[in-house]
Amino acid sequence: MSTISIFSLRGSAMGSRLRNATHAVRQHIALQRRYRQTLDELSNLRPHELSDLGIAHGDIHRVAWQSANGL
C-alpha cells in the first residue's frame, strides 16, 4: 500500500494544475470584489453626479464591469 503526501504534488503536473486553478479562482474573486465595490460606489451617486462624470444611470453596470477589468 502506498501513501500519497500532499507534498509530493509540489513538482507534479497535477500540483501545477491545482495551483493554476487556485490562482484563477482567487483572481475571479478579486475581480468580482472590484466590480461590486465600483458598482456600489456608482449606485450611491446622485443623478447629477453621474451626469457630471458622463455616466447614464443605465450604464452603471457596464462602467463598473469595465473598470473592474481594467478596460
Protein backbone atom coordinates (compact mmCIF):
# COMPACT_ATOMS: atom_id res chain seq x y z
CA MET A 1 0.00 0.00 0.00
CA SER A 2 1.43 3.38 -0.95
CA THR A 3 0.91 6.67 0.82
CA ILE A 4 0.35 9.91 -1.08
CA SER A 5 1.65 13.04 0.52
CA ILE A 6 0.36 16.47 -0.44
CA PHE A 7 3.99 17.49 -0.55
CA SER A 8 4.59 15.08 -3.43
CA LEU A 9 2.19 17.19 -5.54
CA ARG A 10 4.59 20.12 -5.41
CA GLY A 11 6.51 19.20 -8.56
CA SER A 12 3.84 17.19 -10.32
CA ALA A 13 1.61 18.18 -13.22
CA MET A 14 -1.43 17.70 -11.00
CA GLY A 15 0.04 20.04 -8.41
CA SER A 16 0.67 22.61 -11.14
CA ARG A 17 -2.93 22.36 -12.36
CA LEU A 18 -4.20 22.71 -8.80
CA ARG A 19 -2.09 25.84 -8.23
CA ASN A 20 -3.28 27.29 -11.55
CA ALA A 21 -6.91 26.60 -10.69
CA THR A 22 -6.50 28.13 -7.23
CA HIS A 23 -4.87 31.19 -8.75
CA ALA A 24 -7.69 31.56 -11.29
CA VAL A 25 -10.33 31.33 -8.55
CA ARG A 26 -8.54 33.96 -6.46
CA GLN A 27 -8.29 36.28 -9.47
CA HIS A 28 -12.00 35.84 -10.20
CA ILE A 29 -12.91 36.60 -6.59
CA ALA A 30 -10.76 39.75 -6.65
CA LEU A 31 -12.36 40.84 -9.94
CA GLN A 32 -15.85 40.32 -8.53
CA ARG A 33 -14.89 42.29 -5.40
CA ARG A 34 -13.61 45.22 -7.51
CA TYR A 35 -16.76 45.10 -9.66
CA ARG A 36 -19.07 45.05 -6.64
CA GLN A 37 -17.21 47.90 -4.91
CA THR A 38 -17.31 50.06 -8.05
CA LEU A 39 -20.97 49.22 -8.64
CA ASP A 40 -21.85 50.14 -5.05
CA GLU A 41 -19.97 53.44 -5.29
CA LEU A 42 -21.60 54.40 -8.59
CA SER A 43 -25.03 53.33 -7.35
CA ASN A 44 -24.70 55.67 -4.39
CA LEU A 45 -24.12 58.73 -6.59
CA ARG A 46 -26.93 61.17 -7.28
CA PRO A 47 -28.12 61.57 -10.89
CA HIS A 48 -26.39 64.93 -11.30
CA GLU A 49 -23.11 63.45 -10.01
CA LEU A 50 -23.35 60.62 -12.54
CA SER A 51 -24.12 63.19 -15.23
CA ASP A 52 -21.03 65.18 -14.23
CA LEU A 53 -19.00 62.01 -14.82
CA GLY A 54 -20.69 61.42 -18.16
CA ILE A 55 -22.39 58.23 -16.97
CA ALA A 56 -26.06 57.46 -17.53
CA HIS A 57 -27.84 55.52 -14.79
CA GLY A 58 -28.40 52.63 -17.21
CA ASP A 59 -24.65 52.38 -17.86
CA ILE A 60 -23.60 51.84 -14.24
CA HIS A 61 -23.20 48.05 -14.57
CA ARG A 62 -21.20 48.32 -17.81
CA VAL A 63 -18.93 51.05 -16.43
CA ALA A 64 -18.34 49.08 -13.21
CA TRP A 65 -17.50 45.92 -15.20
CA GLN A 66 -15.12 47.78 -17.49
CA SER A 67 -13.45 49.44 -14.53
CA ALA A 68 -13.02 46.15 -12.67
CA ASN A 69 -11.48 44.57 -15.77
CA GLY A 70 -9.16 47.47 -16.45
CA LEU A 71 -10.81 48.30 -19.78
